Amino acid sequence: MNYKVITISREFGSGGRTIGRKVAQELNIPCYDSELIQKIATESGFSPEYIQEASEYSPSGFLSAAFSNRAFGPSNEDYLWNLQYKVIQDLASQGPCVIVGRCADFILKDTTECLKVFVHASLKFRSKRILEVYGQREQSIEQRIKDKDKRRSAYHRFYTNMKWGHAQNYDICLDSGRLGINCCVQTIIHLYNNNEQPQ
């Protein structure tokens, strides 16, 4: 029995989004990344920009505010988390696909037909790639990396109580800097096509 869904979790700048899209293209299956934000926006009525900030890219003050707001009942962020949970499960139930980020590895953890991937790379590799893809900004590249990874880790831990990037939470962890983007793509495709589920 082959894997049905591939989830891609990734460090900022490691190329995880690119890897996910290339995998989906070669397997001829859908890839959900920014599309998830749009689907959640359509169902919630919130703007895509707000959803992006309140989820994986939450601002530094969001988590502490979320903790305090919970004393008064579920927050907007809690509502969006529950909606995100539902949207990802619905998409996974529709057929083979690749889902990038959004804690999909946790949301689908009880799905037997799910290949959970974590993509990481050295600071040097990520810094070079971010400069090439996003260009220079006022904030240093190194600080941008630290801020993005910190937010992703904090958000993931807040809603899943799991350690983001911890190898035991994934089926495979790939160093895109050492292996290269294309090698990561082909490794994932090989695992997807040749997996045999235990009896």
C-alpha atoms as a PDB file:
ATOM      1  CA  MET A   1       0.000   0.000   0.000  1.00  0.00           C
ATOM      2  CA  ASN A   2       1.527   3.336  -1.022  1.00  0.00           C
ATOM      3  CA  TYR A   3       1.551   6.538   0.955  1.00  0.00           C
ATOM      4  CA  LYS A   4      -1.421   8.684   0.093  1.00  0.00           C
ATOM      5  CA  VAL A   5      -0.446  12.072   1.529  1.00  0.00           C
ATOM      6  CA  ILE A   6       2.941  13.748   1.901  1.00  0.00           C
ATOM      7  CA  THR A   7       3.401  16.474   4.510  1.00  0.00           C
ATOM      8  CA  ILE A   8       6.397  18.801   4.230  1.00  0.00           C
ATOM      9  CA  SER A   9       7.548  20.649   7.326  1.00  0.00           C
ATOM     10  CA  ARG A  10      10.593  22.857   6.825  1.00  0.00           C
ATOM     11  CA  GLU A  11      13.041  25.357   8.178  1.00  0.00           C
ATOM     12  CA  PHE A  12      12.807  28.797   6.626  1.00  0.00           C
ATOM     13  CA  GLY A  13      14.967  28.998   3.519  1.00  0.00           C
ATOM     14  CA  SER A  14      15.570  25.256   3.231  1.00  0.00           C
ATOM     15  CA  GLY A  15      13.538  24.959   0.029  1.00  0.00           C
ATOM     16  CA  GLY A  16      10.767  22.851   1.514  1.00  0.00           C
ATOM     17  CA  ARG A  17       8.058  24.657  -0.441  1.00  0.00           C
ATOM     18  CA  THR A  18       9.945  24.180  -3.704  1.00  0.00           C
ATOM     19  CA  ILE A  19      10.567  20.522  -2.890  1.00  0.00           C
ATOM     20  CA  GLY A  20       6.890  19.980  -2.115  1.00  0.00           C
ATOM     21  CA  ARG A  21       5.750  21.537  -5.372  1.00  0.00           C
ATOM     22  CA  LYS A  22       8.298  19.585  -7.440  1.00  0.00           C
ATOM     23  CA  VAL A  23       7.253  16.323  -5.769  1.00  0.00           C
ATOM     24  CA  ALA A  24       3.590  17.034  -6.465  1.00  0.00           C
ATOM     25  CA  GLN A  25       4.335  17.961 -10.062  1.00  0.00           C
ATOM     26  CA  GLU A  26       6.265  14.745 -10.733  1.00  0.00           C
ATOM     27  CA  LEU A  27       3.642  12.605  -9.014  1.00  0.00           C
ATOM     28  CA  ASN A  28       0.863  14.544 -10.749  1.00  0.00           C
ATOM     29  CA  ILE A  29      -0.988  15.199  -7.493  1.00  0.00           C
ATOM     30  CA  PRO A  30      -2.158  18.498  -5.912  1.00  0.00           C
ATOM     31  CA  CYS A  31       0.143  20.556  -3.699  1.00  0.00           C
ATOM     32  CA  TYR A  32      -1.469  22.684  -1.001  1.00  0.00           C
ATOM     33  CA  ASP A  33       0.552  25.584   0.397  1.00  0.00           C
ATOM     34  CA  SER A  34      -0.729  29.111  -0.165  1.00  0.00           C
ATOM     35  CA  GLU A  35      -3.890  27.400  -1.413  1.00  0.00           C
ATOM     36  CA  LEU A  36      -4.590  26.381   2.187  1.00  0.00           C
ATOM     37  CA  ILE A  37      -4.590  30.003   3.294  1.00  0.00           C
ATOM     38  CA  GLN A  38      -7.074  30.884   0.575  1.00  0.00           C
ATOM     39  CA  LYS A  39      -9.375  27.988   1.482  1.00  0.00           C
ATOM     40  CA  ILE A  40      -9.324  28.960   5.160  1.00  0.00           C
ATOM     41  CA  ALA A  41      -9.934  32.603   4.238  1.00  0.00           C
ATOM     42  CA  THR A  42     -12.935  31.655   2.111  1.00  0.00           C
ATOM     43  CA  GLU A  43     -14.496  29.589   4.899  1.00  0.00           C
ATOM     44  CA  SER A  44     -13.666  31.945   7.775  1.00  0.00           C
ATOM     45  CA  GLY A  45     -14.224  35.368   6.252  1.00  0.00           C
ATOM     46  CA  PHE A  46     -10.840  36.559   7.507  1.00  0.00           C
ATOM     47  CA  SER A  47      -8.348  38.038   5.052  1.00  0.00           C
ATOM     48  CA  PRO A  48      -5.517  35.808   3.765  1.00  0.00           C
ATOM     49  CA  GLU A  49      -3.031  38.280   5.278  1.00  0.00           C
ATOM     50  CA  TYR A  50      -4.552  37.921   8.740  1.00  0.00           C
ATOM     51  CA  ILE A  51      -4.602  34.133   8.480  1.00  0.00           C
ATOM     52  CA  GLN A  52      -0.973  34.047   7.423  1.00  0.00           C
ATOM     53  CA  GLU A  53       0.060  36.146  10.416  1.00  0.00           C
ATOM     54  CA  ALA A  54      -2.139  34.273  12.884  1.00  0.00           C
ATOM     55  CA  SER A  55      -0.937  30.829  11.870  1.00  0.00           C
ATOM     56  CA  GLU A  56       2.503  29.663  10.870  1.00  0.00           C
ATOM     57  CA  TYR A  57       3.915  33.181  10.627  1.00  0.00           C
ATOM     58  CA  SER A  58       2.443  34.506  13.849  1.00  0.00           C
ATOM     59  CA  PRO A  59       3.950  37.774  15.120  1.00  0.00           C
ATOM     60  CA  SER A  60       6.223  37.527  18.150  1.00  0.00           C
ATOM     61  CA  GLY A  61       3.581  38.841  20.540  1.00  0.00           C
ATOM     62  CA  PHE A  62       0.802  36.554  19.307  1.00  0.00           C
ATOM     63  CA  LEU A  63       1.472  33.494  21.445  1.00  0.00           C
ATOM     64  CA  SER A  64       1.605  35.260  24.804  1.00  0.00           C
ATOM     65  CA  ALA A  65      -1.568  37.128  23.870  1.00  0.00           C
ATOM     66  CA  ALA A  66      -3.215  33.871  22.847  1.00  0.00           C
ATOM     67  CA  PHE A  67      -2.443  32.320  26.211  1.00  0.00           C
ATOM     68  CA  SER A  68      -3.965  35.254  28.112  1.00  0.00           C
ATOM     69  CA  ASN A  69      -6.995  35.511  25.807  1.00  0.00           C
ATOM     70  CA  ARG A  70      -7.866  31.875  26.397  1.00  0.00           C
ATOM     71  CA  ALA A  71      -8.980  32.778  29.901  1.00  0.00           C
ATOM     72  CA  PHE A  72     -11.938  34.524  28.229  1.00  0.00           C
ATOM     73  CA  GLY A  73     -12.760  31.681  25.836  1.00  0.00           C
ATOM     74  CA  PRO A  74     -11.492  30.595  22.421  1.00  0.00           C
ATOM     75  CA  SER A  75      -9.652  33.282  20.463  1.00  0.00           C
ATOM     76  CA  ASN A  76      -9.805  34.026  16.742  1.00  0.00           C
ATOM     77  CA  GLU A  77      -6.578  32.073  16.427  1.00  0.00           C
ATOM     78  CA  ASP A  78      -8.159  29.053  18.123  1.00  0.00           C
ATOM     79  CA  TYR A  79     -11.068  29.283  15.694  1.00  0.00           C
ATOM     80  CA  LEU A  80      -8.656  29.417  12.750  1.00  0.00           C
ATOM     81  CA  TRP A  81      -6.683  26.463  14.117  1.00  0.00           C
ATOM     82  CA  ASN A  82      -9.848  24.349  14.297  1.00  0.00           C
ATOM     83  CA  LEU A  83     -10.811  25.408  10.784  1.00  0.00           C
ATOM     84  CA  GLN A  84      -7.298  24.693   9.508  1.00  0.00           C
ATOM     85  CA  TYR A  85      -7.499  21.251  11.141  1.00  0.00           C
ATOM     86  CA  LYS A  86     -10.776  20.515   9.345  1.00  0.00           C
ATOM     87  CA  VAL A  87      -9.605  21.831   5.949  1.00  0.00           C
ATOM     88  CA  ILE A  88      -6.414  19.738   6.018  1.00  0.00           C
ATOM     89  CA  GLN A  89      -8.273  16.586   7.030  1.00  0.00           C
ATOM     90  CA  ASP A  90     -10.845  17.171   4.306  1.00  0.00           C
ATOM     91  CA  LEU A  91      -8.162  17.665   1.647  1.00  0.00           C
ATOM     92  CA  ALA A  92      -6.307  14.547   2.768  1.00  0.00           C
ATOM     93  CA  SER A  93      -9.504  12.514   2.569  1.00  0.00           C
ATOM     94  CA  GLN A  94     -10.079  13.521  -1.046  1.00  0.00           C
ATOM     95  CA  GLY A  95      -7.010  11.736  -2.427  1.00  0.00           C
ATOM     96  CA  PRO A  96      -3.224  11.826  -2.801  1.00  0.00           C
ATOM     97  CA  CYS A  97      -1.653  15.253  -2.273  1.00  0.00           C
ATOM     98  CA  VAL A  98       1.288  17.176  -0.839  1.00  0.00           C
ATOM     99  CA  ILE A  99       0.629  19.555   2.057  1.00  0.00           C
ATOM    100  CA  VAL A 100       3.296  22.104   2.988  1.00  0.00           C
ATOM    101  CA  GLY A 101       3.446  23.386   6.566  1.00  0.00           C
ATOM    102  CA  ARG A 102       0.364  24.283   8.636  1.00  0.00           C
ATOM    103  CA  CYS A 103       1.110  21.531  11.193  1.00  0.00           C
ATOM    104  CA  ALA A 104      -0.235  18.957   8.726  1.00  0.00           C
ATOM    105  CA  ASP A 105       2.223  16.398  10.108  1.00  0.00           C
ATOM    106  CA  PHE A 106       0.408  16.585  13.461  1.00  0.00           C
ATOM    107  CA  ILE A 107      -3.104  16.936  12.076  1.00  0.00           C
ATOM    108  CA  LEU A 108      -2.636  13.779   9.989  1.00  0.00           C
ATOM    109  CA  LYS A 109      -0.533  11.865  12.551  1.00  0.00           C
ATOM    110  CA  ASP A 110      -3.156   9.159  12.897  1.00  0.00           C
ATOM    111  CA  THR A 111      -3.453   8.750   9.139  1.00  0.00           C
ATOM    112  CA  THR A 112      -1.643   5.522   8.257  1.00  0.00           C
ATOM    113  CA  GLU A 113      -1.152   6.538   4.637  1.00  0.00           C
ATOM    114  CA  CYS A 114       0.915   9.640   5.381  1.00  0.00           C
ATOM    115  CA  LEU A 115       4.618  10.292   4.716  1.00  0.00           C
ATOM    116  CA  LYS A 116       5.852  12.977   7.116  1.00  0.00           C
ATOM    117  CA  VAL A 117       8.942  14.854   5.898  1.00  0.00           C
ATOM    118  CA  PHE A 118      11.069  17.523   7.585  1.00  0.00           C
ATOM    119  CA  VAL A 119      13.449  19.583   5.424  1.00  0.00           C
ATOM    120  CA  HIS A 120      16.345  21.430   7.019  1.00  0.00           C
ATOM    121  CA  ALA A 121      19.706  22.906   6.003  1.00  0.00           C
ATOM    122  CA  SER A 122      22.690  24.817   7.335  1.00  0.00           C
ATOM    123  CA  LEU A 123      22.441  28.525   8.109  1.00  0.00           C
ATOM    124  CA  LYS A 124      24.917  29.233   5.301  1.00  0.00           C
ATOM    125  CA  PHE A 125      22.842  27.399   2.690  1.00  0.00           C
ATOM    126  CA  ARG A 126      19.590  28.971   3.839  1.00  0.00           C
ATOM    127  CA  SER A 127      21.067  32.469   3.954  1.00  0.00           C
ATOM    128  CA  LYS A 128      22.308  32.160   0.381  1.00  0.00           C
ATOM    129  CA  ARG A 129      18.999  30.784  -0.844  1.00  0.00           C
ATOM    130  CA  ILE A 130      16.896  33.425   0.930  1.00  0.00           C
ATOM    131  CA  LEU A 131      19.008  36.173  -0.643  1.00  0.00           C
ATOM    132  CA  GLU A 132      18.484  34.626  -4.083  1.00  0.00           C
ATOM    133  CA  VAL A 133      14.751  34.013  -3.672  1.00  0.00           C
ATOM    134  CA  TYR A 134      13.583  36.930  -1.511  1.00  0.00           C
ATOM    135  CA  GLY A 135      16.351  39.499  -1.874  1.00  0.00           C
ATOM    136  CA  GLN A 136      17.967  41.722   0.729  1.00  0.00           C
ATOM    137  CA  ARG A 137      15.835  43.534   3.304  1.00  0.00           C
ATOM    138  CA  GLU A 138      16.522  45.880   6.168  1.00  0.00           C
ATOM    139  CA  GLN A 139      16.626  43.035   8.698  1.00  0.00           C
ATOM    140  CA  SER A 140      19.659  40.781   8.383  1.00  0.00           C
ATOM    141  CA  ILE A 141      19.097  37.429   6.702  1.00  0.00           C
ATOM    142  CA  GLU A 142      20.358  35.558   9.752  1.00  0.00           C
ATOM    143  CA  GLN A 143      17.876  37.366  11.986  1.00  0.00           C
ATOM    144  CA  ARG A 144      15.036  36.716   9.543  1.00  0.00           C
ATOM    145  CA  ILE A 145      15.841  33.008   9.662  1.00  0.00           C
ATOM    146  CA  LYS A 146      15.931  32.939  13.454  1.00  0.00           C
ATOM    147  CA  ASP A 147      12.665  34.868  13.742  1.00  0.00           C
ATOM    148  CA  LYS A 148      10.789  32.698  11.216  1.00  0.00           C
ATOM    149  CA  ASP A 149      12.012  29.435  12.728  1.00  0.00           C
ATOM    150  CA  LYS A 150      11.222  30.634  16.241  1.00  0.00           C
ATOM    151  CA  ARG A 151       7.670  31.520  15.257  1.00  0.00           C
ATOM    152  CA  ARG A 152       7.088  28.258  13.441  1.00  0.00           C
ATOM    153  CA  SER A 153       8.464  26.281  16.362  1.00  0.00           C
ATOM    154  CA  ALA A 154       6.431  28.209  18.957  1.00  0.00           C
ATOM    155  CA  TYR A 155       3.192  27.936  16.974  1.00  0.00           C
ATOM    156  CA  HIS A 156       3.704  24.225  16.364  1.00  0.00           C
ATOM    157  CA  ARG A 157       4.475  23.576  20.036  1.00  0.00           C
ATOM    158  CA  PHE A 158       1.552  25.713  21.215  1.00  0.00           C
ATOM    159  CA  TYR A 159      -1.094  23.800  19.267  1.00  0.00           C
ATOM    160  CA  THR A 160       0.448  20.322  19.049  1.00  0.00           C
ATOM    161  CA  ASN A 161       2.543  19.990  22.224  1.00  0.00           C
ATOM    162  CA  MET A 162       5.201  18.437  19.983  1.00  0.00           C
ATOM    163  CA  LYS A 163       8.749  19.582  19.307  1.00  0.00           C
ATOM    164  CA  TRP A 164       8.998  21.079  15.824  1.00  0.00           C
ATOM    165  CA  GLY A 165      11.852  19.559  13.838  1.00  0.00           C
ATOM    166  CA  HIS A 166      12.387  16.648  16.254  1.00  0.00           C
ATOM    167  CA  ALA A 167      13.378  13.646  14.114  1.00  0.00           C
ATOM    168  CA  GLN A 168      11.153  11.209  16.020  1.00  0.00           C
ATOM    169  CA  ASN A 169       8.061  13.109  14.879  1.00  0.00           C
ATOM    170  CA  TYR A 170       8.768  12.509  11.173  1.00  0.00           C
ATOM    171  CA  ASP A 171       9.317   9.559   8.858  1.00  0.00           C
ATOM    172  CA  ILE A 172      12.374  11.182   7.283  1.00  0.00           C
ATOM    173  CA  CYS A 173      14.462  14.328   7.752  1.00  0.00           C
ATOM    174  CA  LEU A 174      16.340  15.665   4.720  1.00  0.00           C
ATOM    175  CA  ASP A 175      19.256  18.135   4.635  1.00  0.00           C
ATOM    176  CA  SER A 176      18.544  20.023   1.422  1.00  0.00           C
ATOM    177  CA  GLY A 177      21.868  21.835   1.614  1.00  0.00           C
ATOM    178  CA  ARG A 178      23.911  18.630   1.553  1.00  0.00           C
ATOM    179  CA  LEU A 179      21.622  16.525  -0.627  1.00  0.00           C
ATOM    180  CA  GLY A 180      20.386  19.194  -3.002  1.00  0.00           C
ATOM    181  CA  ILE A 181      16.804  20.102  -3.872  1.00  0.00           C
ATOM    182  CA  ASN A 182      16.453  17.536  -6.675  1.00  0.00           C
ATOM    183  CA  CYS A 183      17.856  14.686  -4.575  1.00  0.00           C
ATOM    184  CA  CYS A 184      15.347  15.484  -1.831  1.00  0.00           C
ATOM    185  CA  VAL A 185      12.558  15.444  -4.413  1.00  0.00           C
ATOM    186  CA  GLN A 186      13.612  12.084  -5.826  1.00  0.00           C
ATOM    187  CA  THR A 187      14.074  10.575  -2.336  1.00  0.00           C
ATOM    188  CA  ILE A 188      10.541  11.534  -1.334  1.00  0.00           C
ATOM    189  CA  ILE A 189       9.120  10.206  -4.596  1.00  0.00           C
ATOM    190  CA  HIS A 190      10.994   6.925  -4.143  1.00  0.00           C
ATOM    191  CA  LEU A 191       9.621   6.499  -0.621  1.00  0.00           C
ATOM    192  CA  TYR A 192       6.130   7.424  -1.771  1.00  0.00           C
ATOM    193  CA  ASN A 193       6.150   4.920  -4.623  1.00  0.00           C
ATOM    194  CA  ASN A 194       7.893   2.047  -2.863  1.00  0.00           C
ATOM    195  CA  ASN A 195       6.503   2.102   0.651  1.00  0.00           C
ATOM    196  CA  GLU A 196       5.001  -1.066   2.060  1.00  0.00           C
ATOM    197  CA  GLN A 197       2.865  -0.530   5.114  1.00  0.00           C
ATOM    198  CA  PRO A 198       3.469  -2.990   7.977  1.00  0.00           C
ATOM    199  CA  GLN A 199       0.850  -5.685   8.341  1.00  0.00           C
END
